Protein backbone atom coordinates (compact mmCIF):
# COMPACT_ATOMS: atom_id res chain seq x y z
CA MET A 1 27.98 4.95 -31.64
CA THR A 2 26.85 1.45 -31.60
CA GLN A 3 25.13 0.85 -28.07
CA ALA A 4 25.43 -3.34 -27.34
CA TYR A 5 25.18 -5.79 -23.84
CA SER A 6 28.23 -7.21 -22.55
CA ASP A 7 26.61 -10.57 -22.21
CA PRO A 8 24.10 -11.03 -25.53
CA THR A 9 21.78 -13.04 -23.91
CA ARG A 10 20.70 -10.47 -22.00
CA GLU A 11 19.19 -9.09 -25.20
CA ASP A 12 15.81 -10.05 -24.86
CA ASP A 13 15.50 -9.14 -21.65
CA LEU A 14 13.07 -6.43 -21.16
CA TYR A 15 14.39 -5.20 -18.13
CA SER A 16 18.37 -4.70 -18.93
CA LEU A 17 19.70 -2.20 -21.01
CA PRO A 18 22.72 -2.05 -23.32
CA ASP A 19 26.08 -1.32 -21.36
CA VAL A 20 28.72 -1.16 -23.96
CA GLU A 21 29.62 1.17 -26.74
CA VAL A 22 31.20 1.07 -29.70
CA PHE A 23 32.48 3.45 -31.51
CA TYR A 24 35.38 4.89 -34.28
CA LEU A 25 37.98 7.55 -33.37
CA SER A 26 40.12 8.98 -36.19
CA SER A 27 42.87 11.41 -36.07
CA ASP A 28 40.03 14.05 -37.00
CA ASN A 29 38.75 13.73 -33.16
CA GLN A 30 42.05 15.48 -32.09
CA VAL A 31 42.47 13.06 -28.69
CA ASN A 32 45.57 11.52 -27.70
CA LEU A 33 44.62 8.23 -29.20
CA LEU A 34 45.39 6.45 -31.96
CA SER A 35 42.80 5.69 -34.87
CA GLY A 36 40.48 2.96 -34.52
CA TRP A 37 37.24 1.22 -33.12
CA TYR A 38 37.42 1.01 -29.38
CA TRP A 39 34.69 0.33 -26.45
CA TRP A 40 34.00 1.32 -23.16
CA THR A 41 31.29 0.16 -20.87
CA CYS A 42 28.10 2.70 -21.07
CA PHE A 43 24.59 2.88 -19.98
CA PRO A 44 22.22 4.74 -22.43
CA GLY A 45 22.39 8.55 -21.07
CA CYS A 46 25.15 8.31 -18.71
CA LEU A 47 28.68 9.17 -18.40
CA PRO A 48 31.46 5.98 -19.58
CA ASP A 49 32.59 3.93 -16.61
CA GLY A 50 36.19 4.27 -18.06
CA ASP A 51 38.75 5.03 -20.42
CA PRO A 52 38.04 3.26 -24.13
CA ASP A 53 39.50 0.03 -24.91
CA GLY A 54 41.17 -0.28 -28.05
CA PRO A 55 42.11 0.67 -30.59
CA TYR A 56 40.59 -2.62 -32.83
CA ASP A 57 40.92 -2.61 -36.72
CA THR A 58 37.03 -3.34 -37.42
CA GLU A 59 34.12 -2.72 -35.21
CA GLU A 60 33.18 -6.30 -34.89
CA GLU A 61 36.58 -6.70 -33.29
CA ALA A 62 35.77 -4.60 -30.81
CA LEU A 63 32.62 -5.54 -29.85
CA ASP A 64 33.79 -9.06 -29.38
CA ALA A 65 36.29 -7.75 -26.76
CA ALA A 66 33.77 -6.19 -25.22
CA GLN A 67 31.62 -9.49 -25.04
CA ASP A 68 34.60 -11.50 -24.04
CA ILE A 69 35.16 -9.51 -20.35
């Protein structure tokens, strides 16, 4: 699972935390979602703020979508 910033300009801010997680789900995960890359807003150590957004074909596409909010 990749943690990232929804606003990449905040990466150098010492007081900001990553607020997006990007992850892959497959049919092996036994969830009611299609296989693919997903993202959701989530601070480190906290539960997600909502349902995952996706699926996307690549991790890069999912991250681009998360940073386009």
